[in-house]
Amino acid sequence: MNDTFYQAVEASRIAARDHIDVQRRKLDEQYFTPARVARLMSGMFTAGLLEHYDVLDPCCGVGNLAAAM
């Protein structure tokens, strides 16, 4: 994983979170997954077992799960 890229994605997550009013986020049910959770989830994959992986990021947001993969 490229830490510089991942840090940029995390900065985007924080900026997006801070840009939207807390009450609006609650009303729209918007939650921005913290970096430590994305890294934990990506760590649940065992590399090398398959030749090809398809990963569905159900929340997508700023893409921090994809960046952690």
N, C-alpha and C. Protein backbone atom coordinates (compact mmCIF):
# COMPACT_ATOMS: atom_id res chain seq x y z
N MET A 1 0.84 -1.17 0.00
CA MET A 1 0.00 0.00 0.00
C MET A 1 0.89 1.24 0.00
N ASN A 2 0.54 2.21 -0.80
CA ASN A 2 1.26 3.47 -0.88
C ASN A 2 0.74 4.38 0.23
N ASP A 3 1.55 4.62 1.26
CA ASP A 3 1.10 5.41 2.40
C ASP A 3 0.77 6.85 2.04
N THR A 4 1.49 7.43 1.09
CA THR A 4 1.20 8.80 0.67
C THR A 4 -0.19 8.88 0.05
N PHE A 5 -0.50 7.94 -0.82
CA PHE A 5 -1.82 7.89 -1.44
C PHE A 5 -2.89 7.66 -0.37
N TYR A 6 -2.64 6.72 0.53
CA TYR A 6 -3.62 6.41 1.57
C TYR A 6 -3.85 7.61 2.49
N GLN A 7 -2.79 8.34 2.81
CA GLN A 7 -2.94 9.54 3.64
C GLN A 7 -3.76 10.61 2.92
N ALA A 8 -3.59 10.71 1.61
CA ALA A 8 -4.38 11.67 0.83
C ALA A 8 -5.86 11.29 0.84
N VAL A 9 -6.14 10.00 0.74
CA VAL A 9 -7.53 9.53 0.79
C VAL A 9 -8.12 9.81 2.17
N GLU A 10 -7.35 9.57 3.22
CA GLU A 10 -7.82 9.85 4.58
C GLU A 10 -8.08 11.34 4.77
N ALA A 11 -7.23 12.19 4.21
CA ALA A 11 -7.45 13.64 4.29
C ALA A 11 -8.74 14.02 3.56
N SER A 12 -9.03 13.36 2.44
CA SER A 12 -10.29 13.61 1.70
C SER A 12 -11.49 13.19 2.53
N ARG A 13 -11.36 12.07 3.24
CA ARG A 13 -12.46 11.59 4.09
C ARG A 13 -12.75 12.61 5.18
N ILE A 14 -11.71 13.12 5.82
CA ILE A 14 -11.89 14.09 6.89
C ILE A 14 -12.49 15.38 6.35
N ALA A 15 -12.01 15.84 5.20
CA ALA A 15 -12.55 17.06 4.60
C ALA A 15 -14.03 16.89 4.24
N ALA A 16 -14.39 15.74 3.67
CA ALA A 16 -15.79 15.48 3.32
C ALA A 16 -16.66 15.44 4.56
N ARG A 17 -16.16 14.76 5.58
CA ARG A 17 -16.91 14.65 6.84
C ARG A 17 -17.13 16.03 7.45
N ASP A 18 -16.09 16.84 7.48
CA ASP A 18 -16.17 18.15 8.11
C ASP A 18 -16.95 19.16 7.29
N HIS A 19 -17.07 18.93 6.00
CA HIS A 19 -17.79 19.86 5.11
C HIS A 19 -19.31 19.76 5.29
N ILE A 20 -19.79 18.60 5.68
CA ILE A 20 -21.23 18.37 5.79
C ILE A 20 -21.64 18.51 7.25
N ASP A 21 -22.67 19.28 7.49
CA ASP A 21 -23.19 19.50 8.84
C ASP A 21 -23.54 18.17 9.50
N VAL A 22 -23.24 18.06 10.79
CA VAL A 22 -23.47 16.82 11.53
C VAL A 22 -24.94 16.39 11.45
N GLN A 23 -25.85 17.32 11.61
CA GLN A 23 -27.27 16.96 11.57
C GLN A 23 -27.66 16.46 10.18
N ARG A 24 -27.09 17.07 9.15
CA ARG A 24 -27.38 16.64 7.77
C ARG A 24 -26.84 15.22 7.54
N ARG A 25 -25.64 14.94 8.04
CA ARG A 25 -25.06 13.59 7.91
C ARG A 25 -25.95 12.57 8.60
N LYS A 26 -26.47 12.92 9.77
CA LYS A 26 -27.36 12.00 10.49
C LYS A 26 -28.64 11.78 9.71
N LEU A 27 -29.21 12.85 9.19
CA LEU A 27 -30.45 12.75 8.41
C LEU A 27 -30.26 11.89 7.17
N ASP A 28 -29.13 12.07 6.49
CA ASP A 28 -28.83 11.31 5.27
C ASP A 28 -28.17 9.97 5.56
N GLU A 29 -27.93 9.69 6.85
CA GLU A 29 -27.25 8.46 7.28
C GLU A 29 -25.89 8.30 6.60
N GLN A 30 -25.12 9.37 6.62
CA GLN A 30 -23.78 9.35 6.04
C GLN A 30 -22.75 9.13 7.13
N TYR A 31 -21.96 8.10 6.95
CA TYR A 31 -20.89 7.79 7.89
C TYR A 31 -19.61 7.58 7.09
N PHE A 32 -18.55 8.20 7.51
CA PHE A 32 -17.28 8.12 6.80
C PHE A 32 -16.35 7.20 7.58
N THR A 33 -16.06 6.04 7.02
CA THR A 33 -15.26 5.01 7.69
C THR A 33 -13.86 5.52 8.01
N PRO A 34 -13.46 5.45 9.28
CA PRO A 34 -12.11 5.88 9.65
C PRO A 34 -11.04 4.99 9.03
N ALA A 35 -9.86 5.54 8.87
CA ALA A 35 -8.75 4.82 8.24
C ALA A 35 -8.44 3.52 8.98
N ARG A 36 -8.46 3.54 10.30
CA ARG A 36 -8.11 2.33 11.05
C ARG A 36 -9.10 1.20 10.79
N VAL A 37 -10.36 1.53 10.55
CA VAL A 37 -11.37 0.51 10.25
C VAL A 37 -11.14 -0.04 8.84
N ALA A 38 -10.85 0.84 7.89
CA ALA A 38 -10.58 0.40 6.51
C ALA A 38 -9.36 -0.52 6.47
N ARG A 39 -8.33 -0.18 7.22
CA ARG A 39 -7.13 -1.03 7.26
C ARG A 39 -7.43 -2.38 7.92
N LEU A 40 -8.24 -2.37 8.97
CA LEU A 40 -8.64 -3.61 9.63
C LEU A 40 -9.40 -4.51 8.64
N MET A 41 -10.36 -3.93 7.93
CA MET A 41 -11.14 -4.69 6.97
C MET A 41 -10.27 -5.24 5.84
N SER A 42 -9.36 -4.42 5.34
CA SER A 42 -8.50 -4.88 4.25
C SER A 42 -7.55 -5.98 4.73
N GLY A 43 -7.21 -5.94 6.00
CA GLY A 43 -6.33 -6.97 6.56
C GLY A 43 -6.99 -8.33 6.68
N MET A 44 -8.30 -8.40 6.50
CA MET A 44 -9.03 -9.66 6.59
C MET A 44 -8.89 -10.50 5.33
N PHE A 45 -8.31 -9.92 4.29
CA PHE A 45 -8.08 -10.66 3.05
C PHE A 45 -6.73 -11.34 3.13
N THR A 46 -6.65 -12.54 2.65
CA THR A 46 -5.39 -13.27 2.61
C THR A 46 -4.88 -13.26 1.18
N ALA A 47 -3.82 -12.53 0.96
CA ALA A 47 -3.26 -12.42 -0.38
C ALA A 47 -2.66 -13.74 -0.83
N GLY A 48 -2.80 -14.01 -2.12
CA GLY A 48 -2.16 -15.17 -2.71
C GLY A 48 -3.02 -16.42 -2.79
N LEU A 49 -4.18 -16.42 -2.17
CA LEU A 49 -5.03 -17.60 -2.24
C LEU A 49 -5.72 -17.73 -3.59
N LEU A 50 -6.02 -16.62 -4.20
CA LEU A 50 -6.68 -16.61 -5.50
C LEU A 50 -5.85 -15.78 -6.48
N GLU A 51 -6.06 -16.02 -7.75
CA GLU A 51 -5.35 -15.22 -8.77
C GLU A 51 -6.02 -13.87 -8.97
N HIS A 52 -7.31 -13.80 -8.68
CA HIS A 52 -8.08 -12.59 -8.97
C HIS A 52 -9.06 -12.35 -7.82
N TYR A 53 -9.18 -11.11 -7.39
CA TYR A 53 -10.13 -10.74 -6.34
C TYR A 53 -11.08 -9.68 -6.87
N ASP A 54 -12.36 -9.82 -6.57
CA ASP A 54 -13.34 -8.77 -6.80
C ASP A 54 -13.72 -8.25 -5.42
N VAL A 55 -13.61 -6.95 -5.22
CA VAL A 55 -13.93 -6.36 -3.92
C VAL A 55 -15.06 -5.37 -4.11
N LEU A 56 -16.10 -5.53 -3.33
CA LEU A 56 -17.22 -4.60 -3.35
C LEU A 56 -17.10 -3.71 -2.12
N ASP A 57 -16.96 -2.43 -2.36
CA ASP A 57 -16.91 -1.46 -1.27
C ASP A 57 -18.32 -0.92 -1.14
N PRO A 58 -19.11 -1.42 -0.19
CA PRO A 58 -20.52 -1.08 -0.11
C PRO A 58 -20.80 0.40 0.15
N CYS A 59 -19.85 1.10 0.68
CA CYS A 59 -20.09 2.50 1.01
C CYS A 59 -19.41 3.45 0.06
N CYS A 60 -18.36 3.02 -0.55
CA CYS A 60 -17.58 3.76 -1.55
C CYS A 60 -17.05 5.09 -1.03
N GLY A 61 -17.88 6.04 -0.70
CA GLY A 61 -17.43 7.30 -0.12
C GLY A 61 -16.21 7.87 -0.83
N VAL A 62 -15.13 8.07 -0.09
CA VAL A 62 -13.90 8.61 -0.67
C VAL A 62 -12.97 7.49 -1.12
N GLY A 63 -13.34 6.24 -0.89
CA GLY A 63 -12.57 5.11 -1.38
C GLY A 63 -11.47 4.62 -0.47
N ASN A 64 -11.61 4.86 0.84
CA ASN A 64 -10.51 4.47 1.71
C ASN A 64 -10.38 2.95 1.89
N LEU A 65 -11.45 2.19 1.72
CA LEU A 65 -11.30 0.73 1.75
C LEU A 65 -10.53 0.25 0.53
N ALA A 66 -10.88 0.77 -0.63
CA ALA A 66 -10.16 0.42 -1.84
C ALA A 66 -8.70 0.84 -1.75
N ALA A 67 -8.43 2.00 -1.15
CA ALA A 67 -7.06 2.46 -1.01
C ALA A 67 -6.28 1.56 -0.04
N ALA A 68 -6.96 1.05 0.97
CA ALA A 68 -6.30 0.17 1.94
C ALA A 68 -5.99 -1.21 1.35
N MET A 69 -6.72 -1.59 0.31
CA MET A 69 -6.49 -2.90 -0.31
C MET A 69 -5.20 -2.83 -1.08
